[in-house]
């Protein structure tokens, strides 16, 4: 790999030796494009969430196998634009403080609904491990009784979400909805995703597993909350919105630092580390991101697509026609150091290529959780290739921070990458 990079660098120096220097774009213009892309990505996420809401309403009103399939497909489609937004985290506090409402994971699903006996009954870390709000109109926590007779937005978002300071008490967001659509994946590292029957939403005597009306109520309220939360973030990045104004009206260097913090932290500690390497070290399917639907390969893939879109400042909207683009971080780097710019592009390309192989394998050979299995050399290697590429990519991002003379950035880390022995302690 080192010889390859040196060769690319040498070719880059030769190619640019006689070329005129590229004029650096205005940093404010780069920041504006960043905000424009954020607004477009969150707006697309909202559009797809509204389509999900329509499908959920149809399922709850007229339950059927076809309606459940349509709702599941709408959820999968909703993940595509949202996952591309994740590189706006870490560097933007307004996103970090909000993100847990919509994409927190993993979750103790026993808080929400019935679970298989293999799940267990108790957890030392979570008194509400099997509270099953759908089955119980009243639950007790910390000696106080909580009225859950009507499932409302306030109950889910203000009372139950991370109740008791337990992060696994996830009552809202994409993954709560995912669980309600798919149910538990009880297949371990074998084939198959969650297989909740449509009759879990059926009317009258056709209802399976009890409390179908409350299950539908929970699903509808959680989906409505997702709409509310996405509308809030769309507003934050719109003209005059708090997130946009904070970046454009502040110091450009601070804004560029936020941009690179988001890309670097998602690339290394979050995606390569917590979402991929940890599950691989443990060979544990419970560590996959979209664990109920077996959609993890797509969530990881679109994280990578989103990082590229932000760095190169070019985002293709879900209408298939519109591209939001403009001055980019890539342009800034190219103006300062064409060789480093070429290296960064090569790293991004290598990561995307590895992610495409992972995605193709998941769609044609075996699901992501099967790739995690102990003894699956080929599946493990497919995931390791993505992890290695993300790690290499981050090293070049660190060089860009130095090149642009920004304040040093401490990217999110992960024991699974930095201190693997700690994972097993």
Protein backbone atom coordinates (compact mmCIF):
# COMPACT_ATOMS: atom_id res chain seq x y z
CA UNK A 1 0.00 0.00 0.00
CA UNK A 2 2.82 2.43 0.87
CA UNK A 3 4.47 1.82 -2.54
CA UNK A 4 1.13 2.45 -4.24
CA UNK A 5 0.62 5.75 -2.43
CA UNK A 6 4.15 6.85 -3.22
CA UNK A 7 3.60 6.00 -6.86
CA UNK A 8 0.38 8.02 -6.93
CA UNK A 9 2.17 10.89 -5.23
CA UNK A 10 5.00 10.79 -7.75
CA UNK A 11 2.58 10.83 -10.68
CA UNK A 12 0.67 13.63 -9.01
CA UNK A 13 3.80 15.78 -8.63
CA UNK A 14 4.74 15.17 -12.25
CA UNK A 15 1.27 15.98 -13.49
CA UNK A 16 1.06 19.23 -11.56
CA UNK A 17 4.66 20.34 -12.06
CA UNK A 18 3.80 22.42 -15.11
CA UNK A 19 0.11 23.03 -14.50
CA UNK A 20 -0.99 26.48 -13.33
CA UNK A 21 -2.00 26.67 -9.69
CA UNK A 22 -5.70 26.25 -9.08
CA UNK A 23 -7.37 29.20 -7.41
CA UNK A 24 -8.63 28.26 -3.95
CA UNK A 25 -12.38 28.61 -3.52
CA UNK A 26 -13.70 31.02 -0.94
CA UNK A 27 -14.05 29.17 2.35
CA UNK A 28 -17.46 30.75 2.95
CA UNK A 29 -18.62 29.30 -0.35
CA UNK A 30 -17.46 25.85 0.75
CA UNK A 31 -19.38 26.20 4.01
CA UNK A 32 -22.50 27.38 2.17
CA UNK A 33 -22.44 24.32 -0.10
CA UNK A 34 -22.08 22.14 2.99
CA UNK A 35 -25.20 23.72 4.50
CA UNK A 36 -27.09 23.40 1.21
CA UNK A 37 -26.30 19.69 1.05
CA UNK A 38 -27.32 19.21 4.69
CA UNK A 39 -30.66 20.84 3.98
CA UNK A 40 -31.21 18.72 0.87
CA UNK A 41 -30.29 15.46 2.62
CA UNK A 42 -32.54 16.10 5.60
CA UNK A 43 -35.35 17.26 3.30
CA UNK A 44 -35.05 14.03 1.31
CA UNK A 45 -35.08 12.10 4.60
CA UNK A 46 -38.31 13.89 5.52
CA UNK A 47 -39.88 13.13 2.14
CA UNK A 48 -39.12 9.44 2.49
CA UNK A 49 -40.31 9.44 6.13
CA UNK A 50 -43.65 10.87 5.01
CA UNK A 51 -43.95 8.03 2.51
CA UNK A 52 -43.23 5.66 5.39
CA UNK A 53 -45.92 7.38 7.45
CA UNK A 54 -48.45 6.81 4.67
CA UNK A 55 -47.53 3.13 4.47
CA UNK A 56 -47.69 2.72 8.26
CA UNK A 57 -51.12 4.35 8.39
CA UNK A 58 -52.34 1.96 5.70
CA UNK A 59 -50.98 -1.03 7.63
CA UNK A 60 -52.63 0.04 10.88
CA UNK A 61 -55.96 0.91 9.25
CA UNK A 62 -56.20 -2.15 6.98
CA UNK A 63 -53.70 -4.79 8.11
CA UNK A 64 -52.51 -7.36 5.58
CA UNK A 65 -49.36 -9.14 4.49
CA UNK A 66 -49.12 -6.79 1.50
CA UNK A 67 -49.49 -3.70 3.70
CA UNK A 68 -46.71 -4.91 6.01
CA UNK A 69 -44.43 -5.56 3.02
CA UNK A 70 -45.14 -2.05 1.68
CA UNK A 71 -44.35 -0.49 5.06
CA UNK A 72 -41.10 -2.43 5.29
CA UNK A 73 -40.07 -1.29 1.82
CA UNK A 74 -40.87 2.31 2.75
CA UNK A 75 -38.68 2.00 5.86
CA UNK A 76 -35.77 0.66 3.79
CA UNK A 77 -36.16 3.51 1.30
CA UNK A 78 -36.26 6.03 4.16
CA UNK A 79 -32.87 4.86 5.39
CA UNK A 80 -31.09 5.75 2.14
CA UNK A 81 -31.08 9.57 2.44
CA UNK A 82 -30.93 9.58 6.23
CA UNK A 83 -27.77 7.50 6.48
CA UNK A 84 -26.05 9.95 4.14
CA UNK A 85 -26.60 12.70 6.73
CA UNK A 86 -24.54 11.01 9.43
CA UNK A 87 -21.33 12.86 8.61
CA UNK A 88 -23.04 16.03 9.88
CA UNK A 89 -22.78 14.55 13.36
CA UNK A 90 -19.78 14.95 15.69
CA UNK A 91 -18.77 18.37 14.37
CA UNK A 92 -22.21 19.96 14.77
CA UNK A 93 -23.55 19.92 18.32
CA UNK A 94 -27.05 20.77 17.09
CA UNK A 95 -27.08 17.46 15.18
CA UNK A 96 -25.36 15.41 17.88
CA UNK A 97 -27.81 16.59 20.55
CA UNK A 98 -30.75 15.64 18.30
CA UNK A 99 -29.52 12.44 16.66
CA UNK A 100 -30.36 10.10 19.53
CA UNK A 101 -34.06 10.76 19.02
CA UNK A 102 -34.01 9.34 15.50
CA UNK A 103 -31.17 6.84 15.18
CA UNK A 104 -30.18 5.59 18.64
CA UNK A 105 -29.04 1.95 18.75
CA UNK A 106 -28.72 -0.72 19.96
CA UNK A 107 -32.03 -0.91 21.79
CA UNK A 108 -33.52 -3.21 24.40
CA UNK A 109 -36.60 -4.12 22.41
CA UNK A 110 -38.28 -5.69 25.44
CA UNK A 111 -39.08 -2.16 26.58
CA UNK A 112 -41.42 -1.83 23.60
CA UNK A 113 -43.08 -5.17 22.83
CA UNK A 114 -43.05 -8.92 23.39
CA UNK A 115 -39.77 -10.77 22.94
CA UNK A 116 -38.68 -14.38 22.61
CA UNK A 117 -37.85 -16.35 25.77
CA UNK A 118 -34.20 -16.46 24.68
CA UNK A 119 -34.03 -12.69 25.27
CA UNK A 120 -34.23 -13.27 29.03
CA UNK A 121 -36.24 -11.52 31.70
CA UNK A 122 -33.77 -9.31 33.56
CA UNK A 123 -30.82 -7.02 33.00
CA UNK A 124 -28.56 -5.62 35.70
CA UNK A 125 -28.16 -2.46 33.62
CA UNK A 126 -31.82 -1.91 32.70
CA UNK A 127 -34.78 -2.30 35.10
CA UNK A 128 -37.16 -1.86 32.13
CA UNK A 129 -35.50 -4.57 30.02
CA UNK A 130 -38.83 -6.35 29.50
CA UNK A 131 -41.31 -3.63 30.49
CA UNK A 132 -43.33 -4.24 27.27
CA UNK A 133 -45.17 -0.93 27.06
CA UNK A 134 -47.46 -2.27 24.34
CA UNK A 135 -48.81 -4.96 26.67
CA UNK A 136 -48.95 -2.84 29.81
CA UNK A 137 -50.97 0.31 30.36
CA UNK A 138 -48.98 1.03 33.52
CA UNK A 139 -45.30 0.44 34.24
CA UNK A 140 -43.23 1.18 37.31
CA UNK A 141 -39.83 2.78 37.32
CA UNK A 142 -37.86 4.03 40.32
CA UNK A 143 -40.83 3.39 42.58
CA UNK A 144 -43.11 5.60 40.51
CA UNK A 145 -45.99 4.47 38.34
CA UNK A 146 -46.04 5.64 34.73
CA UNK A 147 -49.40 5.92 32.99
CA UNK A 148 -49.04 4.31 29.57
CA UNK A 149 -52.76 3.79 28.98
CA UNK A 150 -52.59 6.01 25.91
CA UNK A 151 -49.46 5.86 23.78
CA UNK A 152 -48.61 9.47 23.01
CA UNK A 153 -45.68 11.39 21.61
CA UNK A 154 -44.96 12.72 25.09
CA UNK A 155 -44.91 9.22 26.60
CA UNK A 156 -42.41 7.95 24.03
CA UNK A 157 -40.15 10.98 23.60
CA UNK A 158 -40.22 12.62 27.03
CA UNK A 159 -40.85 9.75 29.44
CA UNK A 160 -39.53 6.52 27.94
CA UNK A 161 -36.69 7.61 25.66
CA UNK A 162 -33.49 6.79 27.58
CA UNK A 163 -35.50 6.59 30.80
CA UNK A 164 -33.32 6.15 33.84
CA UNK A 165 -30.31 7.32 31.85
CA UNK A 166 -30.15 3.91 30.13
CA UNK A 167 -29.14 4.51 26.51
CA UNK A 168 -30.59 1.15 25.43
CA UNK A 169 -34.08 2.37 26.40
CA UNK A 170 -34.78 3.51 22.87
CA UNK A 171 -38.48 4.26 22.43
CA UNK A 172 -38.37 6.44 19.31
CA UNK A 173 -36.71 6.68 15.92
CA UNK A 174 -35.90 4.47 12.96
CA UNK A 175 -34.89 1.42 15.00
CA UNK A 176 -37.98 1.37 17.20
CA UNK A 177 -40.04 1.49 13.99
CA UNK A 178 -37.83 -1.18 12.42
CA UNK A 179 -38.46 -3.52 15.37
CA UNK A 180 -42.21 -2.97 15.12
CA UNK A 181 -42.16 -3.82 11.41
CA UNK A 182 -39.79 -6.82 11.47
CA UNK A 183 -39.71 -8.10 15.03
CA UNK A 184 -36.66 -9.77 16.50
CA UNK A 185 -34.14 -11.48 14.25
CA UNK A 186 -33.79 -14.82 16.02
CA UNK A 187 -31.49 -16.38 13.42
CA UNK A 188 -28.15 -15.48 14.98
CA UNK A 189 -25.51 -15.71 12.27
CA UNK A 190 -27.76 -17.95 10.19
CA UNK A 191 -29.86 -16.77 7.23
CA UNK A 192 -33.03 -14.75 7.79
CA UNK A 193 -34.17 -11.43 9.24
CA UNK A 194 -36.98 -10.63 11.66
CA UNK A 195 -40.27 -12.23 10.69
CA UNK A 196 -43.07 -10.44 12.56
CA UNK A 197 -46.44 -11.64 11.19
CA UNK A 198 -48.81 -9.07 9.71
CA UNK A 199 -51.42 -10.44 12.10
CA UNK A 200 -49.61 -8.62 14.92
CA UNK A 201 -51.66 -5.67 13.57
CA UNK A 202 -54.83 -7.59 12.76
CA UNK A 203 -58.26 -6.63 14.06
CA UNK A 204 -60.30 -8.67 16.51
CA UNK A 205 -59.79 -12.40 16.89
CA UNK A 206 -57.22 -12.52 14.05
CA UNK A 207 -54.75 -10.60 16.25
CA UNK A 208 -51.61 -12.52 17.17
CA UNK A 209 -49.43 -11.94 20.25
CA UNK A 210 -52.04 -9.66 21.78
CA UNK A 211 -52.56 -5.90 21.99
CA UNK A 212 -52.64 -5.34 18.22
CA UNK A 213 -54.47 -2.05 18.62
CA UNK A 214 -51.80 -0.70 20.97
CA UNK A 215 -49.03 -2.03 18.72
CA UNK A 216 -50.52 -0.11 15.83
CA UNK A 217 -50.88 2.95 18.02
CA UNK A 218 -47.22 2.76 19.05
CA UNK A 219 -46.06 2.32 15.45
CA UNK A 220 -48.15 5.28 14.27
CA UNK A 221 -46.99 7.58 17.07
CA UNK A 222 -43.32 6.64 16.63
CA UNK A 223 -43.56 7.36 12.90
CA UNK A 224 -45.28 10.69 13.51
CA UNK A 225 -42.50 11.59 15.95
CA UNK A 226 -39.90 10.78 13.31
CA UNK A 227 -41.62 13.27 10.99
CA UNK A 228 -41.57 15.94 13.72
CA UNK A 229 -37.89 15.41 14.43
CA UNK A 230 -36.87 15.51 10.77
CA UNK A 231 -38.92 18.66 10.22
CA UNK A 232 -36.96 20.25 13.06
CA UNK A 233 -33.63 19.39 11.44
CA UNK A 234 -34.75 20.53 7.97
CA UNK A 235 -35.58 23.88 9.58
CA UNK A 236 -32.18 24.06 11.25
CA UNK A 237 -30.43 23.90 7.87
CA UNK A 238 -32.89 26.08 5.91
CA UNK A 239 -32.22 29.76 5.19
CA UNK A 240 -32.05 31.48 8.57
CA UNK A 241 -31.94 28.16 10.40
CA UNK A 242 -29.82 27.82 13.51
CA UNK A 243 -27.33 25.28 12.13
CA UNK A 244 -26.79 27.16 8.86
CA UNK A 245 -26.51 30.56 10.50
CA UNK A 246 -24.11 29.30 13.14
CA UNK A 247 -21.66 28.12 10.48
CA UNK A 248 -22.03 30.88 7.91
CA UNK A 249 -21.96 33.73 10.41
CA UNK A 250 -19.03 32.32 12.37
CA UNK A 251 -15.36 31.80 11.64
CA UNK A 252 -14.76 29.82 8.44
CA UNK A 253 -11.92 27.87 10.02
CA UNK A 254 -14.26 26.70 12.77
CA UNK A 255 -16.80 25.63 10.16
CA UNK A 256 -14.19 23.69 8.15
CA UNK A 257 -13.10 22.00 11.37
CA UNK A 258 -16.71 20.94 11.99
CA UNK A 259 -16.94 19.51 8.47
CA UNK A 260 -13.77 17.44 8.78
CA UNK A 261 -14.61 16.38 12.34
CA UNK A 262 -17.86 14.90 11.08
CA UNK A 263 -16.29 13.00 8.19
CA UNK A 264 -13.28 11.78 10.17
CA UNK A 265 -15.18 10.72 13.27
CA UNK A 266 -17.85 8.85 11.32
CA UNK A 267 -15.17 7.22 9.20
CA UNK A 268 -12.99 6.00 12.05
CA UNK A 269 -14.45 5.64 15.53
CA UNK A 270 -18.13 5.32 14.66
CA UNK A 271 -18.30 3.30 11.44
CA UNK A 272 -14.97 1.44 11.24
CA UNK A 273 -14.91 0.97 15.01
CA UNK A 274 -18.21 0.80 16.87
CA UNK A 275 -20.41 -0.33 14.00
CA UNK A 276 -18.08 -2.73 12.21
CA UNK A 277 -14.93 -3.84 14.06
CA UNK A 278 -16.70 -4.39 17.39
CA UNK A 279 -19.22 -6.80 15.90
CA UNK A 280 -16.47 -8.58 14.02
CA UNK A 281 -14.32 -9.01 17.14
CA UNK A 282 -17.28 -10.44 19.03
CA UNK A 283 -18.77 -12.30 16.04
CA UNK A 284 -22.02 -10.90 17.38
CA UNK A 285 -25.03 -10.17 15.12
CA UNK A 286 -26.52 -8.06 17.92
CA UNK A 287 -23.87 -5.47 17.05
CA UNK A 288 -25.18 -4.88 13.54
CA UNK A 289 -26.80 -1.51 12.98
CA UNK A 290 -30.09 -2.46 11.30
CA UNK A 291 -30.32 -5.79 13.10
CA UNK A 292 -34.05 -6.54 12.74
CA UNK A 293 -34.27 -6.00 8.99
CA UNK A 294 -30.82 -7.24 7.89
CA UNK A 295 -30.28 -3.87 6.22
CA UNK A 296 -26.93 -3.12 7.90
CA UNK A 297 -24.92 -3.38 4.68
CA UNK A 298 -26.97 -0.56 3.18
CA UNK A 299 -26.71 1.64 6.26
CA UNK A 300 -22.92 1.33 6.20
CA UNK A 301 -22.78 1.81 2.44
CA UNK A 302 -24.82 5.01 2.49
CA UNK A 303 -22.75 6.41 5.37
CA UNK A 304 -19.80 6.12 3.01
CA UNK A 305 -21.73 7.62 0.09
CA UNK A 306 -22.69 10.53 2.35
CA UNK A 307 -19.10 11.22 3.42
CA UNK A 308 -18.07 11.43 -0.21
CA UNK A 309 -20.99 13.71 -1.07
CA UNK A 310 -19.97 16.13 1.66
CA UNK A 311 -16.25 16.12 0.89
CA UNK A 312 -16.70 16.51 -2.88
CA UNK A 313 -19.78 18.75 -2.41
CA UNK A 314 -22.05 16.86 -4.78
CA UNK A 315 -25.28 15.26 -3.59
CA UNK A 316 -27.76 13.53 -5.90
CA UNK A 317 -31.28 14.00 -4.59
CA UNK A 318 -33.88 11.25 -4.40
CA UNK A 319 -35.86 12.71 -7.31
CA UNK A 320 -33.13 11.31 -9.58
CA UNK A 321 -32.79 14.64 -11.36
CA UNK A 322 -31.38 17.25 -8.99
CA UNK A 323 -27.74 17.50 -7.91
CA UNK A 324 -26.79 19.92 -5.14
CA UNK A 325 -23.18 20.98 -5.60
CA UNK A 326 -20.74 23.86 -5.35
CA UNK A 327 -17.30 24.77 -3.94
CA UNK A 328 -15.96 21.86 -1.92
CA UNK A 329 -13.42 20.73 0.62
CA UNK A 330 -11.88 18.78 -2.23
CA UNK A 331 -11.37 22.04 -4.14
CA UNK A 332 -9.69 23.66 -1.14
CA UNK A 333 -7.29 20.75 -0.76
CA UNK A 334 -6.51 20.62 -4.47
CA UNK A 335 -5.63 24.32 -4.50
CA UNK A 336 -3.23 23.87 -1.58
CA UNK A 337 -1.74 20.44 -2.34
CA UNK A 338 -2.74 18.60 -5.54
CA UNK A 339 -0.81 15.50 -4.47
CA UNK A 340 -2.71 15.21 -1.19
CA UNK A 341 -5.95 15.88 -3.08
CA UNK A 342 -5.19 12.94 -5.39
CA UNK A 343 -4.35 10.75 -2.40
CA UNK A 344 -7.60 11.65 -0.65
CA UNK A 345 -9.63 10.84 -3.74
CA UNK A 346 -7.85 7.50 -4.07
CA UNK A 347 -8.66 6.69 -0.44
CA UNK A 348 -12.33 7.60 -0.85
CA UNK A 349 -12.48 5.52 -4.03
CA UNK A 350 -10.90 2.52 -2.28
CA UNK A 351 -13.41 2.76 0.57
CA UNK A 352 -16.35 2.96 -1.83
CA UNK A 353 -15.05 -0.02 -3.80
CA UNK A 354 -14.75 -2.11 -0.62
CA UNK A 355 -18.23 -1.03 0.47
CA UNK A 356 -19.67 -1.99 -2.90
CA UNK A 357 -18.21 -5.48 -2.51
CA UNK A 358 -19.77 -5.74 0.95
CA UNK A 359 -23.13 -4.58 -0.38
CA UNK A 360 -22.99 -6.96 -3.35
CA UNK A 361 -22.11 -9.91 -1.11
CA UNK A 362 -24.99 -9.06 1.24
CA UNK A 363 -27.41 -8.97 -1.68
CA UNK A 364 -26.22 -12.09 -3.50
CA UNK A 365 -24.38 -14.40 -1.09
CA UNK A 366 -25.19 -13.84 2.61
CA UNK A 367 -26.51 -11.16 4.93
CA UNK A 368 -24.26 -8.88 6.98
CA UNK A 369 -24.90 -10.80 10.21
CA UNK A 370 -23.77 -14.01 8.49
CA UNK A 371 -20.54 -12.27 7.43
CA UNK A 372 -19.86 -11.66 11.14
CA UNK A 373 -19.88 -15.35 11.99
CA UNK A 374 -16.81 -16.97 13.54
CA UNK A 375 -15.06 -19.16 10.98
CA UNK A 376 -16.52 -17.31 7.99
CA UNK A 377 -13.14 -16.31 6.54
CA UNK A 378 -14.48 -14.81 3.32
CA UNK A 379 -17.28 -12.89 5.00
CA UNK A 380 -14.98 -11.60 7.75
CA UNK A 381 -12.42 -10.52 5.14
CA UNK A 382 -15.09 -8.59 3.22
CA UNK A 383 -15.86 -6.55 6.33
CA UNK A 384 -12.19 -6.18 7.29
CA UNK A 385 -11.50 -4.64 3.89
CA UNK A 386 -14.06 -1.89 4.54
CA UNK A 387 -12.68 -1.28 8.04
CA UNK A 388 -9.11 -1.03 6.71
CA UNK A 389 -10.15 1.35 3.93
CA UNK A 390 -12.04 3.59 6.37
CA UNK A 391 -9.01 3.68 8.66
CA UNK A 392 -6.67 4.59 5.80
CA UNK A 393 -9.14 7.23 4.67
CA UNK A 394 -9.05 8.83 8.11
CA UNK A 395 -5.26 9.11 8.04
CA UNK A 396 -5.50 11.29 4.92
CA UNK A 397 -8.25 13.39 6.51
CA UNK A 398 -5.85 14.06 9.39
CA UNK A 399 -3.28 15.32 6.88
CA UNK A 400 -5.89 17.65 5.39
CA UNK A 401 -6.55 19.16 8.82
CA UNK A 402 -2.83 19.99 9.09
CA UNK A 403 -2.69 21.25 5.50
CA UNK A 404 -5.52 23.73 6.05
CA UNK A 405 -3.87 24.93 9.29
CA UNK A 406 -6.94 24.10 11.36
CA UNK A 407 -7.02 23.40 15.07
CA UNK A 408 -6.01 19.77 15.74
CA UNK A 409 -9.04 17.48 15.74
CA UNK A 410 -9.58 14.53 18.05
CA UNK A 411 -11.67 12.23 15.93
CA UNK A 412 -14.02 9.80 17.66
CA UNK A 413 -12.10 6.70 18.70
CA UNK A 414 -13.10 3.13 19.45
CA UNK A 415 -11.62 0.51 21.76
CA UNK A 416 -12.25 -2.06 19.05
CA UNK A 417 -9.64 -0.28 16.91
CA UNK A 418 -7.42 1.43 19.49
CA UNK A 419 -7.40 -1.16 22.29
CA UNK A 420 -9.09 -4.41 21.18
CA UNK A 421 -8.16 -6.21 24.41
CA UNK A 422 -10.48 -3.84 26.31
CA UNK A 423 -13.44 -5.17 24.34
CA UNK A 424 -13.14 -8.53 26.08
CA UNK A 425 -12.63 -7.23 29.60
